[in-house]
Structure formats: C-alpha cells, structure tokens
Amino acid sequence: MRIVVNGVPREVVATTLAGVLEEIGIVGRFATAVNGAFVPAAGRGMALSEGDAVEALAPMQGG
C-alpha cells in the first residue's frame, strides 16, 4: 500500500497505523496523526487506506 509518512511517499506492507510505525522503525514516545487528525496511542490499531497521510512527531522540550 502506498501512503505518505512525514511528507515522504512510502510503500508499506502493514495495514494498521501501529504496524506501519513498527515497519518503518518509528519507536519511543511520539504523537501521531492520520490525515491531519490526532490519533492517541490507544487508537493506533486503526486501519490505514491507500493514500493516507501519517505524521509521527517526537515531543520537544523548550518554550
């Protein structure tokens, strides 16, 4: 399936958000969004579709 992860087109085998994150090696603490909508950690089992846009952002300290 072809999706966009952090602005980069990717071909992935996984069909869930959690699976895609694991497949491409995004680990640790981070925030996720799919098609601009925030997805909490508990919701990462959601299915993805062809063309979805996934964002994974690590928290940053500062102010």
PDB file of N, CA and C in Angstrom:
ATOM      1  N   MET A   1       0.853  -1.173   0.000  1.00  0.00           N
ATOM      2  CA  MET A   1       0.000   0.000   0.000  1.00  0.00           C
ATOM      3  C   MET A   1       0.901   1.238   0.000  1.00  0.00           C
ATOM      4  N   ARG A   2       0.492   2.239  -0.727  1.00  0.00           N
ATOM      5  CA  ARG A   2       1.265   3.478  -0.797  1.00  0.00           C
ATOM      6  C   ARG A   2       0.604   4.531   0.089  1.00  0.00           C
ATOM      7  N   ILE A   3       1.397   5.059   1.046  1.00  0.00           N
ATOM      8  CA  ILE A   3       0.941   6.117   1.938  1.00  0.00           C
ATOM      9  C   ILE A   3       2.033   7.179   2.008  1.00  0.00           C
ATOM     10  N   VAL A   4       1.763   8.246   2.730  1.00  0.00           N
ATOM     11  CA  VAL A   4       2.752   9.302   2.930  1.00  0.00           C
ATOM     12  C   VAL A   4       3.052   9.364   4.427  1.00  0.00           C
ATOM     13  N   VAL A   5       4.337   9.253   4.788  1.00  0.00           N
ATOM     14  CA  VAL A   5       4.743   9.306   6.192  1.00  0.00           C
ATOM     15  C   VAL A   5       5.673  10.501   6.380  1.00  0.00           C
ATOM     16  N   ASN A   6       5.256  11.433   7.223  1.00  0.00           N
ATOM     17  CA  ASN A   6       6.026  12.651   7.479  1.00  0.00           C
ATOM     18  C   ASN A   6       6.443  13.339   6.176  1.00  0.00           C
ATOM     19  N   GLY A   7       5.506  13.378   5.233  1.00  0.00           N
ATOM     20  CA  GLY A   7       5.733  14.075   3.971  1.00  0.00           C
ATOM     21  C   GLY A   7       6.463  13.289   2.902  1.00  0.00           C
ATOM     22  N   VAL A   8       6.827  12.032   3.200  1.00  0.00           N
ATOM     23  CA  VAL A   8       7.586  11.210   2.254  1.00  0.00           C
ATOM     24  C   VAL A   8       6.721  10.034   1.784  1.00  0.00           C
ATOM     25  N   PRO A   9       6.486   9.892   0.486  1.00  0.00           N
ATOM     26  CA  PRO A   9       5.728   8.739  -0.007  1.00  0.00           C
ATOM     27  C   PRO A   9       6.455   7.437   0.338  1.00  0.00           C
ATOM     28  N   ARG A  10       5.697   6.444   0.825  1.00  0.00           N
ATOM     29  CA  ARG A  10       6.277   5.163   1.219  1.00  0.00           C
ATOM     30  C   ARG A  10       5.389   4.039   0.724  1.00  0.00           C
ATOM     31  N   GLU A  11       5.995   2.928   0.378  1.00  0.00           N
ATOM     32  CA  GLU A  11       5.277   1.700   0.077  1.00  0.00           C
ATOM     33  C   GLU A  11       5.413   0.811   1.308  1.00  0.00           C
ATOM     34  N   VAL A  12       4.288   0.402   1.899  1.00  0.00           N
ATOM     35  CA  VAL A  12       4.324  -0.398   3.123  1.00  0.00           C
ATOM     36  C   VAL A  12       3.470  -1.649   2.961  1.00  0.00           C
ATOM     37  N   VAL A  13       3.781  -2.640   3.788  1.00  0.00           N
ATOM     38  CA  VAL A  13       3.024  -3.892   3.803  1.00  0.00           C
ATOM     39  C   VAL A  13       1.946  -3.838   4.884  1.00  0.00           C
ATOM     40  N   ALA A  14       2.269  -3.247   6.025  1.00  0.00           N
ATOM     41  CA  ALA A  14       1.341  -3.176   7.158  1.00  0.00           C
ATOM     42  C   ALA A  14       0.064  -2.433   6.769  1.00  0.00           C
ATOM     43  N   THR A  15      -1.025  -2.780   7.445  1.00  0.00           N
ATOM     44  CA  THR A  15      -2.315  -2.153   7.135  1.00  0.00           C
ATOM     45  C   THR A  15      -2.882  -1.338   8.282  1.00  0.00           C
ATOM     46  N   THR A  16      -2.189  -1.328   9.439  1.00  0.00           N
ATOM     47  CA  THR A  16      -2.638  -0.518  10.575  1.00  0.00           C
ATOM     48  C   THR A  16      -1.590   0.543  10.873  1.00  0.00           C
ATOM     49  N   LEU A  17      -2.006   1.573  11.583  1.00  0.00           N
ATOM     50  CA  LEU A  17      -1.071   2.627  11.958  1.00  0.00           C
ATOM     51  C   LEU A  17       0.066   2.053  12.800  1.00  0.00           C
ATOM     52  N   ALA A  18      -0.254   1.247  13.806  1.00  0.00           N
ATOM     53  CA  ALA A  18       0.781   0.649  14.651  1.00  0.00           C
ATOM     54  C   ALA A  18       1.737  -0.208  13.828  1.00  0.00           C
ATOM     55  N   GLY A  19       1.207  -0.978  12.904  1.00  0.00           N
ATOM     56  CA  GLY A  19       2.028  -1.831  12.061  1.00  0.00           C
ATOM     57  C   GLY A  19       2.967  -1.031  11.168  1.00  0.00           C
ATOM     58  N   VAL A  20       2.459   0.056  10.601  1.00  0.00           N
ATOM     59  CA  VAL A  20       3.289   0.910   9.746  1.00  0.00           C
ATOM     60  C   VAL A  20       4.415   1.536  10.558  1.00  0.00           C
ATOM     61  N   LEU A  21       4.086   2.048  11.743  1.00  0.00           N
ATOM     62  CA  LEU A  21       5.111   2.666  12.578  1.00  0.00           C
ATOM     63  C   LEU A  21       6.217   1.661  12.912  1.00  0.00           C
ATOM     64  N   GLU A  22       5.819   0.443  13.246  1.00  0.00           N
ATOM     65  CA  GLU A  22       6.804  -0.603  13.547  1.00  0.00           C
ATOM     66  C   GLU A  22       7.609  -0.954  12.297  1.00  0.00           C
ATOM     67  N   GLU A  23       6.930  -1.096  11.176  1.00  0.00           N
ATOM     68  CA  GLU A  23       7.591  -1.472   9.921  1.00  0.00           C
ATOM     69  C   GLU A  23       8.667  -0.472   9.515  1.00  0.00           C
ATOM     70  N   ILE A  24       8.410   0.810   9.717  1.00  0.00           N
ATOM     71  CA  ILE A  24       9.392   1.808   9.276  1.00  0.00           C
ATOM     72  C   ILE A  24      10.335   2.239  10.390  1.00  0.00           C
ATOM     73  N   GLY A  25      10.178   1.625  11.575  1.00  0.00           N
ATOM     74  CA  GLY A  25      11.148   1.848  12.648  1.00  0.00           C
ATOM     75  C   GLY A  25      10.931   3.066  13.515  1.00  0.00           C
ATOM     76  N   ILE A  26       9.698   3.550  13.585  1.00  0.00           N
ATOM     77  CA  ILE A  26       9.413   4.673  14.477  1.00  0.00           C
ATOM     78  C   ILE A  26       9.050   4.094  15.834  1.00  0.00           C
ATOM     79  N   VAL A  27       9.902   4.331  16.822  1.00  0.00           N
ATOM     80  CA  VAL A  27       9.702   3.777  18.168  1.00  0.00           C
ATOM     81  C   VAL A  27       9.861   4.869  19.222  1.00  0.00           C
ATOM     82  N   GLY A  28       9.454   4.570  20.440  1.00  0.00           N
ATOM     83  CA  GLY A  28       9.590   5.530  21.532  1.00  0.00           C
ATOM     84  C   GLY A  28       8.320   6.325  21.730  1.00  0.00           C
ATOM     85  N   ARG A  29       8.484   7.466  22.373  1.00  0.00           N
ATOM     86  CA  ARG A  29       7.336   8.340  22.649  1.00  0.00           C
ATOM     87  C   ARG A  29       7.176   9.341  21.516  1.00  0.00           C
ATOM     88  N   PHE A  30       5.981   9.404  20.965  1.00  0.00           N
ATOM     89  CA  PHE A  30       5.714  10.324  19.867  1.00  0.00           C
ATOM     90  C   PHE A  30       4.213  10.507  19.719  1.00  0.00           C
ATOM     91  N   ALA A  31       3.827  11.572  19.070  1.00  0.00           N
ATOM     92  CA  ALA A  31       2.424  11.846  18.759  1.00  0.00           C
ATOM     93  C   ALA A  31       2.158  11.429  17.322  1.00  0.00           C
ATOM     94  N   THR A  32       0.942  10.971  17.054  1.00  0.00           N
ATOM     95  CA  THR A  32       0.612  10.564  15.694  1.00  0.00           C
ATOM     96  C   THR A  32      -0.661  11.243  15.204  1.00  0.00           C
ATOM     97  N   ALA A  33      -0.719  11.413  13.902  1.00  0.00           N
ATOM     98  CA  ALA A  33      -1.921  11.933  13.253  1.00  0.00           C
ATOM     99  C   ALA A  33      -2.077  11.216  11.918  1.00  0.00           C
ATOM    100  N   VAL A  34      -3.313  11.026  11.509  1.00  0.00           N
ATOM    101  CA  VAL A  34      -3.615  10.451  10.197  1.00  0.00           C
ATOM    102  C   VAL A  34      -4.546  11.420   9.488  1.00  0.00           C
ATOM    103  N   ASN A  35      -4.131  11.848   8.324  1.00  0.00           N
ATOM    104  CA  ASN A  35      -4.904  12.811   7.530  1.00  0.00           C
ATOM    105  C   ASN A  35      -5.270  14.054   8.344  1.00  0.00           C
ATOM    106  N   GLY A  36      -4.322  14.493   9.185  1.00  0.00           N
ATOM    107  CA  GLY A  36      -4.489  15.718   9.948  1.00  0.00           C
ATOM    108  C   GLY A  36      -5.243  15.565  11.258  1.00  0.00           C
ATOM    109  N   ALA A  37      -5.726  14.367  11.564  1.00  0.00           N
ATOM    110  CA  ALA A  37      -6.473  14.141  12.803  1.00  0.00           C
ATOM    111  C   ALA A  37      -5.599  13.400  13.811  1.00  0.00           C
ATOM    112  N   PHE A  38      -5.476  13.955  15.037  1.00  0.00           N
ATOM    113  CA  PHE A  38      -4.689  13.332  16.094  1.00  0.00           C
ATOM    114  C   PHE A  38      -5.185  11.914  16.374  1.00  0.00           C
ATOM    115  N   VAL A  39      -4.236  10.985  16.552  1.00  0.00           N
ATOM    116  CA  VAL A  39      -4.571   9.608  16.920  1.00  0.00           C
ATOM    117  C   VAL A  39      -3.825   9.279  18.204  1.00  0.00           C
ATOM    118  N   PRO A  40      -4.550   9.059  19.319  1.00  0.00           N
ATOM    119  CA  PRO A  40      -3.883   8.707  20.573  1.00  0.00           C
ATOM    120  C   PRO A  40      -3.247   7.321  20.479  1.00  0.00           C
ATOM    121  N   ALA A  41      -2.304   7.048  21.357  1.00  0.00           N
ATOM    122  CA  ALA A  41      -1.603   5.759  21.341  1.00  0.00           C
ATOM    123  C   ALA A  41      -2.580   4.586  21.365  1.00  0.00           C
ATOM    124  N   ALA A  42      -3.636   4.700  22.127  1.00  0.00           N
ATOM    125  CA  ALA A  42      -4.616   3.622  22.228  1.00  0.00           C
ATOM    126  C   ALA A  42      -5.366   3.375  20.919  1.00  0.00           C
ATOM    127  N   GLY A  43      -5.344   4.330  20.007  1.00  0.00           N
ATOM    128  CA  GLY A  43      -6.066   4.200  18.747  1.00  0.00           C
ATOM    129  C   GLY A  43      -5.202   3.793  17.566  1.00  0.00           C
ATOM    130  N   ARG A  44      -3.955   3.434  17.827  1.00  0.00           N
ATOM    131  CA  ARG A  44      -3.033   3.135  16.715  1.00  0.00           C
ATOM    132  C   ARG A  44      -3.288   1.804  16.030  1.00  0.00           C
ATOM    133  N   GLY A  45      -4.275   1.055  16.498  1.00  0.00           N
ATOM    134  CA  GLY A  45      -4.663  -0.173  15.810  1.00  0.00           C
ATOM    135  C   GLY A  45      -5.564   0.103  14.620  1.00  0.00           C
ATOM    136  N   MET A  46      -5.851   1.382  14.372  1.00  0.00           N
ATOM    137  CA  MET A  46      -6.750   1.758  13.269  1.00  0.00           C
ATOM    138  C   MET A  46      -6.189   1.342  11.915  1.00  0.00           C
ATOM    139  N   ALA A  47      -7.082   0.961  11.027  1.00  0.00           N
ATOM    140  CA  ALA A  47      -6.693   0.578   9.673  1.00  0.00           C
ATOM    141  C   ALA A  47      -6.348   1.808   8.854  1.00  0.00           C
ATOM    142  N   LEU A  48      -5.356   1.661   8.008  1.00  0.00           N
ATOM    143  CA  LEU A  48      -4.983   2.726   7.072  1.00  0.00           C
ATOM    144  C   LEU A  48      -5.451   2.347   5.678  1.00  0.00           C
ATOM    145  N   SER A  49      -5.620   3.351   4.829  1.00  0.00           N
ATOM    146  CA  SER A  49      -6.040   3.146   3.450  1.00  0.00           C
ATOM    147  C   SER A  49      -5.014   3.735   2.506  1.00  0.00           C
ATOM    148  N   GLU A  50      -5.027   3.248   1.293  1.00  0.00           N
ATOM    149  CA  GLU A  50      -4.162   3.761   0.238  1.00  0.00           C
ATOM    150  C   GLU A  50      -4.249   5.284   0.205  1.00  0.00           C
ATOM    151  N   GLY A  51      -3.099   5.960   0.195  1.00  0.00           N
ATOM    152  CA  GLY A  51      -3.055   7.412   0.081  1.00  0.00           C
ATOM    153  C   GLY A  51      -3.134   8.175   1.389  1.00  0.00           C
ATOM    154  N   ASP A  52      -3.335   7.487   2.520  1.00  0.00           N
ATOM    155  CA  ASP A  52      -3.398   8.185   3.804  1.00  0.00           C
ATOM    156  C   ASP A  52      -2.088   8.908   4.095  1.00  0.00           C
ATOM    157  N   ALA A  53      -2.191  10.005   4.835  1.00  0.00           N
ATOM    158  CA  ALA A  53      -1.023  10.780   5.258  1.00  0.00           C
ATOM    159  C   ALA A  53      -0.838  10.588   6.754  1.00  0.00           C
ATOM    160  N   VAL A  54       0.315  10.041   7.136  1.00  0.00           N
ATOM    161  CA  VAL A  54       0.642   9.764   8.530  1.00  0.00           C
ATOM    162  C   VAL A  54       1.728  10.732   8.983  1.00  0.00           C
ATOM    163  N   GLU A  55       1.543  11.298  10.165  1.00  0.00           N
ATOM    164  CA  GLU A  55       2.569  12.140  10.776  1.00  0.00           C
ATOM    165  C   GLU A  55       2.929  11.537  12.119  1.00  0.00           C
ATOM    166  N   ALA A  56       4.211  11.429  12.404  1.00  0.00           N
ATOM    167  CA  ALA A  56       4.694  10.956  13.707  1.00  0.00           C
ATOM    168  C   ALA A  56       5.724  11.971  14.194  1.00  0.00           C
ATOM    169  N   LEU A  57       5.436  12.607  15.319  1.00  0.00           N
ATOM    170  CA  LEU A  57       6.273  13.691  15.821  1.00  0.00           C
ATOM    171  C   LEU A  57       6.738  13.395  17.232  1.00  0.00           C
ATOM    172  N   ALA A  58       8.036  13.513  17.461  1.00  0.00           N
ATOM    173  CA  ALA A  58       8.590  13.341  18.795  1.00  0.00           C
ATOM    174  C   ALA A  58       8.370  14.616  19.603  1.00  0.00           C
ATOM    175  N   PRO A  59       8.051  14.481  20.894  1.00  0.00           N
ATOM    176  CA  PRO A  59       7.881  15.678  21.724  1.00  0.00           C
ATOM    177  C   PRO A  59       9.208  16.421  21.880  1.00  0.00           C
ATOM    178  N   MET A  60       9.127  17.740  21.926  1.00  0.00           N
ATOM    179  CA  MET A  60      10.321  18.562  22.083  1.00  0.00           C
ATOM    180  C   MET A  60      10.170  19.415  23.326  1.00  0.00           C
ATOM    181  N   GLN A  61      11.235  19.571  24.049  1.00  0.00           N
ATOM    182  CA  GLN A  61      11.209  20.387  25.245  1.00  0.00           C
ATOM    183  C   GLN A  61      11.644  21.809  24.884  1.00  0.00           C
ATOM    184  N   GLY A  62      11.124  22.756  25.569  1.00  0.00           N
ATOM    185  CA  GLY A  62      11.511  24.134  25.293  1.00  0.00           C
ATOM    186  C   GLY A  62      10.345  25.075  25.498  1.00  0.00           C
ATOM    187  N   GLY A  63      10.540  26.281  25.064  1.00  0.00           N
ATOM    188  CA  GLY A  63       9.447  27.201  25.272  1.00  0.00           C
ATOM    189  C   GLY A  63       9.723  28.520  24.760  1.00  0.00           C
TER     190      GLY A  63
END
